[in-house]
Amino acid sequence: MLIAFAVAAIFSPPTVRDVAWIAGCWELIDGPRHIVEQWTPPEGATLMGVSRTVVNGKTTEYEFLLIRERASGLEYVAKPSGQSEATFTATRASVLEVVFENRSHDFPQRIIYRKEGEALKAAIEGLMGGQTRRLEFPYVRARCGG
């Protein structure tokens, strides 16, 4: 019985509490481009997020985001502006990194969040036009609200 409990504890799927370090407000300023990504704290087996990209004072992109627990582990659900909703499954999750994949999605096929000190490094990667492509988003902590 003790062995069964230990094995279950070792192989239990990650929860939103395991990736709670994503919660908060994050921003990236790159010339005229300003990206803000904001995540709620984990509650009810979810983290909810929203992202907005503003270029030269105009919103050019936005995205509604959800990280949720499923029996098999974590899922990342993205609903970008002007696109269909896509779901990615966590292939790796720890106190410093989480990787979500959906190999059948056009681009990206992989979404990565990594905690580096007080920064949040996000990346999307996969095949686009037959070429491997990776876009990085080095976020810094931002003040939430106005």
N, C-alpha and C. Protein backbone atom coordinates (compact mmCIF):
# COMPACT_ATOMS: atom_id res chain seq x y z
N MET A 1 0.83 -1.20 0.00
CA MET A 1 0.00 0.00 0.00
C MET A 1 0.87 1.26 0.00
N LEU A 2 1.91 1.27 0.81
CA LEU A 2 2.80 2.43 0.86
C LEU A 2 3.48 2.66 -0.48
N ILE A 3 3.85 1.58 -1.17
CA ILE A 3 4.49 1.71 -2.48
C ILE A 3 3.51 2.30 -3.49
N ALA A 4 2.28 1.86 -3.46
CA ALA A 4 1.27 2.40 -4.38
C ALA A 4 1.07 3.89 -4.14
N PHE A 5 1.05 4.32 -2.90
CA PHE A 5 0.89 5.74 -2.57
C PHE A 5 2.09 6.54 -3.07
N ALA A 6 3.28 6.01 -2.87
CA ALA A 6 4.50 6.71 -3.31
C ALA A 6 4.53 6.83 -4.83
N VAL A 7 4.15 5.78 -5.55
CA VAL A 7 4.13 5.82 -7.00
C VAL A 7 3.10 6.84 -7.48
N ALA A 8 1.91 6.86 -6.87
CA ALA A 8 0.87 7.82 -7.24
C ALA A 8 1.35 9.25 -7.01
N ALA A 9 2.06 9.48 -5.90
CA ALA A 9 2.57 10.83 -5.61
C ALA A 9 3.62 11.25 -6.63
N ILE A 10 4.46 10.32 -7.05
CA ILE A 10 5.51 10.63 -8.01
C ILE A 10 4.91 10.95 -9.38
N PHE A 11 3.89 10.21 -9.78
CA PHE A 11 3.33 10.35 -11.12
C PHE A 11 2.03 11.15 -11.16
N SER A 12 1.71 11.88 -10.10
CA SER A 12 0.49 12.68 -10.15
C SER A 12 0.70 13.84 -11.12
N PRO A 13 -0.34 14.15 -11.90
CA PRO A 13 -0.20 15.23 -12.89
C PRO A 13 -0.03 16.58 -12.20
N PRO A 14 0.62 17.51 -12.88
CA PRO A 14 0.80 18.85 -12.30
C PRO A 14 -0.54 19.56 -12.14
N THR A 15 -0.56 20.51 -11.22
CA THR A 15 -1.75 21.32 -10.99
C THR A 15 -1.42 22.78 -11.29
N VAL A 16 -2.45 23.62 -11.29
CA VAL A 16 -2.21 25.04 -11.53
C VAL A 16 -1.35 25.64 -10.42
N ARG A 17 -1.40 25.07 -9.24
CA ARG A 17 -0.55 25.58 -8.14
C ARG A 17 0.93 25.39 -8.46
N ASP A 18 1.25 24.37 -9.25
CA ASP A 18 2.65 24.13 -9.64
C ASP A 18 3.19 25.23 -10.55
N VAL A 19 2.31 25.93 -11.25
CA VAL A 19 2.73 27.00 -12.15
C VAL A 19 2.19 28.36 -11.70
N ALA A 20 1.90 28.48 -10.41
CA ALA A 20 1.37 29.73 -9.85
C ALA A 20 2.31 30.90 -10.06
N TRP A 21 3.58 30.65 -10.32
CA TRP A 21 4.57 31.71 -10.55
C TRP A 21 4.26 32.52 -11.81
N ILE A 22 3.37 32.03 -12.67
CA ILE A 22 2.97 32.79 -13.86
C ILE A 22 2.04 33.95 -13.48
N ALA A 23 1.32 33.81 -12.37
CA ALA A 23 0.33 34.82 -11.98
C ALA A 23 0.97 36.19 -11.82
N GLY A 24 0.21 37.21 -12.22
CA GLY A 24 0.67 38.59 -12.08
C GLY A 24 0.66 39.31 -13.42
N CYS A 25 1.26 40.46 -13.44
CA CYS A 25 1.31 41.29 -14.64
C CYS A 25 2.74 41.32 -15.17
N TRP A 26 2.85 41.16 -16.48
CA TRP A 26 4.14 41.10 -17.14
C TRP A 26 4.10 41.98 -18.38
N GLU A 27 5.22 42.63 -18.69
CA GLU A 27 5.24 43.48 -19.87
C GLU A 27 6.55 43.37 -20.62
N LEU A 28 6.45 43.73 -21.90
CA LEU A 28 7.59 43.77 -22.79
C LEU A 28 7.46 45.05 -23.61
N ILE A 29 8.50 45.88 -23.57
CA ILE A 29 8.53 47.10 -24.38
C ILE A 29 9.65 46.93 -25.39
N ASP A 30 9.29 47.02 -26.67
CA ASP A 30 10.25 46.84 -27.75
C ASP A 30 9.98 47.95 -28.78
N GLY A 31 10.65 49.08 -28.62
CA GLY A 31 10.41 50.23 -29.49
C GLY A 31 8.97 50.70 -29.35
N PRO A 32 8.24 50.77 -30.46
CA PRO A 32 6.84 51.25 -30.38
C PRO A 32 5.86 50.17 -29.93
N ARG A 33 6.36 48.94 -29.74
CA ARG A 33 5.51 47.80 -29.37
C ARG A 33 5.51 47.61 -27.86
N HIS A 34 4.31 47.52 -27.27
CA HIS A 34 4.15 47.30 -25.84
C HIS A 34 3.21 46.11 -25.66
N ILE A 35 3.71 45.04 -25.04
CA ILE A 35 2.90 43.85 -24.78
C ILE A 35 2.72 43.71 -23.28
N VAL A 36 1.48 43.51 -22.86
CA VAL A 36 1.17 43.24 -21.46
C VAL A 36 0.44 41.91 -21.40
N GLU A 37 0.89 41.02 -20.52
CA GLU A 37 0.23 39.75 -20.27
C GLU A 37 -0.09 39.70 -18.79
N GLN A 38 -1.34 39.46 -18.46
CA GLN A 38 -1.78 39.46 -17.07
C GLN A 38 -2.47 38.15 -16.75
N TRP A 39 -2.07 37.50 -15.64
CA TRP A 39 -2.62 36.23 -15.20
C TRP A 39 -3.17 36.34 -13.79
N THR A 40 -4.36 35.78 -13.56
CA THR A 40 -4.94 35.72 -12.23
C THR A 40 -4.22 34.65 -11.41
N PRO A 41 -4.30 34.75 -10.08
CA PRO A 41 -3.76 33.67 -9.25
C PRO A 41 -4.57 32.39 -9.47
N PRO A 42 -3.97 31.22 -9.19
CA PRO A 42 -4.70 29.97 -9.39
C PRO A 42 -5.86 29.86 -8.39
N GLU A 43 -7.02 29.48 -8.92
CA GLU A 43 -8.18 29.21 -8.09
C GLU A 43 -9.17 28.42 -8.94
N GLY A 44 -9.86 27.47 -8.31
CA GLY A 44 -10.85 26.68 -9.04
C GLY A 44 -10.23 25.86 -10.16
N ALA A 45 -9.00 25.43 -10.00
CA ALA A 45 -8.27 24.61 -10.96
C ALA A 45 -7.96 25.35 -12.27
N THR A 46 -7.91 26.69 -12.21
CA THR A 46 -7.58 27.48 -13.40
C THR A 46 -6.70 28.68 -13.05
N LEU A 47 -5.95 29.13 -14.03
CA LEU A 47 -5.36 30.46 -14.08
C LEU A 47 -5.97 31.08 -15.34
N MET A 48 -6.41 32.31 -15.26
CA MET A 48 -6.97 32.98 -16.43
C MET A 48 -6.07 34.14 -16.80
N GLY A 49 -5.89 34.32 -18.10
CA GLY A 49 -5.00 35.37 -18.55
C GLY A 49 -5.54 36.13 -19.74
N VAL A 50 -4.92 37.27 -19.97
CA VAL A 50 -5.23 38.10 -21.13
C VAL A 50 -3.94 38.77 -21.57
N SER A 51 -3.81 38.93 -22.88
CA SER A 51 -2.62 39.57 -23.44
C SER A 51 -3.07 40.63 -24.44
N ARG A 52 -2.33 41.72 -24.48
CA ARG A 52 -2.64 42.79 -25.44
C ARG A 52 -1.32 43.35 -25.98
N THR A 53 -1.29 43.53 -27.29
CA THR A 53 -0.15 44.16 -27.95
C THR A 53 -0.59 45.50 -28.52
N VAL A 54 0.12 46.56 -28.14
CA VAL A 54 -0.17 47.91 -28.61
C VAL A 54 1.06 48.39 -29.38
N VAL A 55 0.83 48.88 -30.59
CA VAL A 55 1.90 49.44 -31.42
C VAL A 55 1.50 50.85 -31.81
N ASN A 56 2.37 51.81 -31.49
CA ASN A 56 2.11 53.21 -31.80
C ASN A 56 0.73 53.66 -31.31
N GLY A 57 0.38 53.24 -30.10
CA GLY A 57 -0.87 53.68 -29.48
C GLY A 57 -2.12 52.96 -29.92
N LYS A 58 -2.00 51.90 -30.76
CA LYS A 58 -3.18 51.16 -31.22
C LYS A 58 -3.05 49.69 -30.89
N THR A 59 -4.13 49.10 -30.38
CA THR A 59 -4.14 47.66 -30.12
C THR A 59 -4.11 46.92 -31.45
N THR A 60 -3.08 46.09 -31.62
CA THR A 60 -2.93 45.33 -32.86
C THR A 60 -3.26 43.85 -32.69
N GLU A 61 -3.15 43.36 -31.46
CA GLU A 61 -3.46 41.95 -31.16
C GLU A 61 -3.93 41.85 -29.72
N TYR A 62 -4.76 40.85 -29.47
CA TYR A 62 -5.14 40.52 -28.10
C TYR A 62 -5.42 39.03 -28.04
N GLU A 63 -5.41 38.48 -26.82
CA GLU A 63 -5.59 37.05 -26.67
C GLU A 63 -6.17 36.76 -25.29
N PHE A 64 -7.14 35.85 -25.24
CA PHE A 64 -7.69 35.37 -23.98
C PHE A 64 -7.06 34.01 -23.72
N LEU A 65 -6.61 33.79 -22.48
CA LEU A 65 -5.82 32.61 -22.15
C LEU A 65 -6.38 31.90 -20.92
N LEU A 66 -6.16 30.59 -20.86
CA LEU A 66 -6.61 29.79 -19.73
C LEU A 66 -5.64 28.64 -19.54
N ILE A 67 -5.19 28.45 -18.32
CA ILE A 67 -4.46 27.24 -17.95
C ILE A 67 -5.39 26.50 -17.00
N ARG A 68 -5.72 25.25 -17.36
CA ARG A 68 -6.68 24.49 -16.55
C ARG A 68 -6.17 23.09 -16.27
N GLU A 69 -6.68 22.55 -15.17
CA GLU A 69 -6.34 21.18 -14.79
C GLU A 69 -7.31 20.22 -15.46
N ARG A 70 -6.75 19.13 -15.95
CA ARG A 70 -7.51 18.00 -16.47
C ARG A 70 -6.98 16.75 -15.79
N ALA A 71 -7.68 15.65 -15.90
CA ALA A 71 -7.25 14.41 -15.27
C ALA A 71 -5.85 14.01 -15.72
N SER A 72 -5.51 14.32 -16.97
CA SER A 72 -4.20 13.95 -17.52
C SER A 72 -3.12 14.99 -17.25
N GLY A 73 -3.49 16.16 -16.74
CA GLY A 73 -2.51 17.20 -16.48
C GLY A 73 -3.04 18.57 -16.85
N LEU A 74 -2.13 19.48 -17.17
CA LEU A 74 -2.50 20.86 -17.46
C LEU A 74 -2.74 21.06 -18.96
N GLU A 75 -3.69 21.97 -19.24
CA GLU A 75 -3.94 22.40 -20.61
C GLU A 75 -3.85 23.92 -20.67
N TYR A 76 -3.38 24.41 -21.80
CA TYR A 76 -3.29 25.84 -22.10
C TYR A 76 -4.25 26.08 -23.25
N VAL A 77 -5.24 26.94 -23.02
CA VAL A 77 -6.23 27.24 -24.04
C VAL A 77 -6.03 28.70 -24.46
N ALA A 78 -5.84 28.92 -25.74
CA ALA A 78 -5.59 30.26 -26.27
C ALA A 78 -6.67 30.62 -27.27
N LYS A 79 -7.19 31.83 -27.14
CA LYS A 79 -8.17 32.37 -28.09
C LYS A 79 -7.62 33.71 -28.58
N PRO A 80 -6.75 33.68 -29.61
CA PRO A 80 -6.17 34.92 -30.14
C PRO A 80 -7.17 35.71 -30.98
N SER A 81 -6.95 37.01 -31.08
CA SER A 81 -7.81 37.86 -31.90
C SER A 81 -7.85 37.35 -33.34
N GLY A 82 -9.06 37.19 -33.85
CA GLY A 82 -9.24 36.79 -35.23
C GLY A 82 -8.90 35.36 -35.57
N GLN A 83 -8.68 34.51 -34.56
CA GLN A 83 -8.32 33.12 -34.82
C GLN A 83 -9.19 32.18 -33.99
N SER A 84 -9.17 30.91 -34.35
CA SER A 84 -9.90 29.89 -33.60
C SER A 84 -9.17 29.56 -32.31
N GLU A 85 -9.94 29.11 -31.34
CA GLU A 85 -9.37 28.65 -30.07
C GLU A 85 -8.48 27.43 -30.31
N ALA A 86 -7.39 27.33 -29.56
CA ALA A 86 -6.47 26.19 -29.66
C ALA A 86 -6.11 25.72 -28.26
N THR A 87 -5.99 24.42 -28.10
CA THR A 87 -5.64 23.83 -26.81
C THR A 87 -4.30 23.11 -26.93
N PHE A 88 -3.43 23.35 -25.94
CA PHE A 88 -2.10 22.75 -25.87
C PHE A 88 -2.00 21.99 -24.55
N THR A 89 -1.34 20.84 -24.56
CA THR A 89 -1.21 19.99 -23.38
C THR A 89 0.20 20.12 -22.80
N ALA A 90 0.28 20.20 -21.47
CA ALA A 90 1.59 20.30 -20.81
C ALA A 90 2.36 19.00 -20.99
N THR A 91 3.59 19.14 -21.48
CA THR A 91 4.48 17.98 -21.60
C THR A 91 5.54 18.01 -20.50
N ARG A 92 5.67 19.17 -19.87
CA ARG A 92 6.63 19.33 -18.77
C ARG A 92 6.16 20.48 -17.91
N ALA A 93 6.20 20.31 -16.59
CA ALA A 93 5.82 21.39 -15.67
C ALA A 93 6.64 21.26 -14.40
N SER A 94 7.21 22.39 -13.96
CA SER A 94 7.99 22.41 -12.73
C SER A 94 7.82 23.77 -12.07
N VAL A 95 8.55 24.00 -11.01
CA VAL A 95 8.47 25.28 -10.31
C VAL A 95 9.17 26.39 -11.07
N LEU A 96 9.84 26.08 -12.18
CA LEU A 96 10.54 27.10 -12.97
C LEU A 96 10.17 27.11 -14.44
N GLU A 97 9.50 26.05 -14.95
CA GLU A 97 9.21 26.00 -16.37
C GLU A 97 7.98 25.15 -16.65
N VAL A 98 7.22 25.56 -17.65
CA VAL A 98 6.12 24.74 -18.15
C VAL A 98 6.13 24.80 -19.67
N VAL A 99 5.94 23.64 -20.29
CA VAL A 99 5.95 23.53 -21.75
C VAL A 99 4.63 22.89 -22.18
N PHE A 100 3.94 23.55 -23.10
CA PHE A 100 2.68 23.05 -23.64
C PHE A 100 2.88 22.76 -25.12
N GLU A 101 2.26 21.66 -25.60
CA GLU A 101 2.42 21.30 -27.01
C GLU A 101 1.09 20.92 -27.65
N ASN A 102 1.00 21.22 -28.93
CA ASN A 102 -0.09 20.77 -29.78
C ASN A 102 0.52 20.62 -31.17
N ARG A 103 0.97 19.43 -31.48
CA ARG A 103 1.70 19.19 -32.74
C ARG A 103 0.83 19.33 -33.98
N SER A 104 -0.50 19.31 -33.81
CA SER A 104 -1.37 19.45 -34.97
C SER A 104 -1.77 20.91 -35.25
N HIS A 105 -1.35 21.82 -34.39
CA HIS A 105 -1.66 23.24 -34.57
C HIS A 105 -0.74 23.82 -35.64
N ASP A 106 -1.22 24.83 -36.38
CA ASP A 106 -0.40 25.41 -37.46
C ASP A 106 0.86 26.06 -36.91
N PHE A 107 0.74 27.13 -36.18
CA PHE A 107 1.88 27.77 -35.49
C PHE A 107 1.31 28.59 -34.36
N PRO A 108 1.88 28.47 -33.20
CA PRO A 108 2.99 27.61 -32.80
C PRO A 108 2.50 26.20 -32.46
N GLN A 109 3.45 25.29 -32.36
CA GLN A 109 3.14 23.96 -31.86
C GLN A 109 3.57 23.81 -30.40
N ARG A 110 4.39 24.74 -29.92
CA ARG A 110 4.89 24.67 -28.54
C ARG A 110 4.85 26.07 -27.91
N ILE A 111 4.40 26.12 -26.65
CA ILE A 111 4.38 27.35 -25.86
C ILE A 111 5.15 27.08 -24.58
N ILE A 112 6.08 27.96 -24.27
CA ILE A 112 6.98 27.75 -23.13
C ILE A 112 6.95 28.98 -22.23
N TYR A 113 6.83 28.75 -20.93
CA TYR A 113 6.99 29.80 -19.93
C TYR A 113 8.10 29.35 -18.99
N ARG A 114 9.03 30.26 -18.70
CA ARG A 114 10.14 29.95 -17.81
C ARG A 114 10.34 31.12 -16.85
N LYS A 115 10.43 30.83 -15.58
CA LYS A 115 10.70 31.84 -14.56
C LYS A 115 12.20 31.97 -14.43
N GLU A 116 12.70 33.19 -14.62
CA GLU A 116 14.14 33.45 -14.47
C GLU A 116 14.31 34.63 -13.53
N GLY A 117 14.55 34.33 -12.26
CA GLY A 117 14.64 35.38 -11.25
C GLY A 117 13.31 36.09 -11.14
N GLU A 118 13.30 37.40 -11.37
CA GLU A 118 12.06 38.19 -11.32
C GLU A 118 11.45 38.38 -12.70
N ALA A 119 12.00 37.71 -13.70
CA ALA A 119 11.51 37.84 -15.08
C ALA A 119 10.73 36.60 -15.48
N LEU A 120 9.91 36.76 -16.49
CA LEU A 120 9.16 35.66 -17.09
C LEU A 120 9.55 35.60 -18.56
N LYS A 121 10.15 34.51 -18.96
CA LYS A 121 10.55 34.33 -20.34
C LYS A 121 9.52 33.42 -21.01
N ALA A 122 8.82 33.96 -21.98
CA ALA A 122 7.85 33.18 -22.74
C ALA A 122 8.40 32.99 -24.15
N ALA A 123 8.00 31.89 -24.77
CA ALA A 123 8.42 31.63 -26.15
C ALA A 123 7.36 30.79 -26.84
N ILE A 124 7.24 31.00 -28.13
CA ILE A 124 6.42 30.13 -28.96
C ILE A 124 7.32 29.61 -30.06
N GLU A 125 7.11 28.34 -30.43
CA GLU A 125 7.98 27.78 -31.45
C GLU A 125 7.26 26.67 -32.22
N GLY A 126 7.81 26.36 -33.37
CA GLY A 126 7.28 25.31 -34.21
C GLY A 126 7.63 25.54 -35.66
N LEU A 127 7.00 24.77 -36.52
CA LEU A 127 7.23 24.89 -37.95
C LEU A 127 6.30 25.92 -38.56
N MET A 128 6.86 26.76 -39.42
CA MET A 128 6.07 27.73 -40.17
C MET A 128 6.68 27.77 -41.57
N GLY A 129 5.88 27.41 -42.57
CA GLY A 129 6.38 27.39 -43.95
C GLY A 129 7.54 26.43 -44.13
N GLY A 130 7.53 25.32 -43.38
CA GLY A 130 8.59 24.32 -43.49
C GLY A 130 9.86 24.65 -42.73
N GLN A 131 9.88 25.81 -42.08
CA GLN A 131 11.07 26.24 -41.32
C GLN A 131 10.75 26.28 -39.82
N THR A 132 11.71 25.88 -39.00
CA THR A 132 11.55 25.98 -37.56
C THR A 132 11.66 27.45 -37.17
N ARG A 133 10.71 27.91 -36.38
CA ARG A 133 10.70 29.32 -35.98
C ARG A 133 10.48 29.41 -34.48
N ARG A 134 11.12 30.37 -33.84
CA ARG A 134 10.97 30.60 -32.40
C ARG A 134 10.88 32.10 -32.16
N LEU A 135 9.83 32.51 -31.45
CA LEU A 135 9.67 33.91 -31.04
C LEU A 135 9.75 33.97 -29.53
N GLU A 136 10.57 34.87 -29.01
CA GLU A 136 10.76 34.99 -27.56
C GLU A 136 10.15 36.28 -27.04
N PHE A 137 9.64 36.20 -25.82
CA PHE A 137 9.01 37.33 -25.15
C PHE A 137 9.61 37.46 -23.75
N PRO A 138 10.67 38.26 -23.60
CA PRO A 138 11.31 38.44 -22.29
C PRO A 138 10.54 39.48 -21.45
N TYR A 139 9.56 39.00 -20.69
CA TYR A 139 8.72 39.88 -19.88
C TYR A 139 9.41 40.26 -18.57
N VAL A 140 9.10 41.46 -18.10
CA VAL A 140 9.49 41.88 -16.76
C VAL A 140 8.21 42.13 -15.97
N ARG A 141 8.32 42.03 -14.66
CA ARG A 141 7.15 42.25 -13.80
C ARG A 141 6.66 43.68 -13.99
N ALA A 142 5.35 43.83 -14.07
CA ALA A 142 4.73 45.16 -14.26
C ALA A 142 3.69 45.37 -13.17
N ARG A 143 3.29 46.61 -13.00
CA ARG A 143 2.25 46.94 -12.05
C ARG A 143 0.89 46.62 -12.69
N CYS A 144 0.06 45.90 -11.98
CA CYS A 144 -1.29 45.59 -12.49
C CYS A 144 -2.18 46.80 -12.31
N GLY A 145 -3.08 46.99 -13.26
CA GLY A 145 -4.04 48.10 -13.14
C GLY A 145 -3.56 49.34 -13.85
N GLY A 146 -4.28 50.41 -13.62
CA GLY A 146 -4.00 51.65 -14.35
C GLY A 146 -3.11 52.61 -13.73
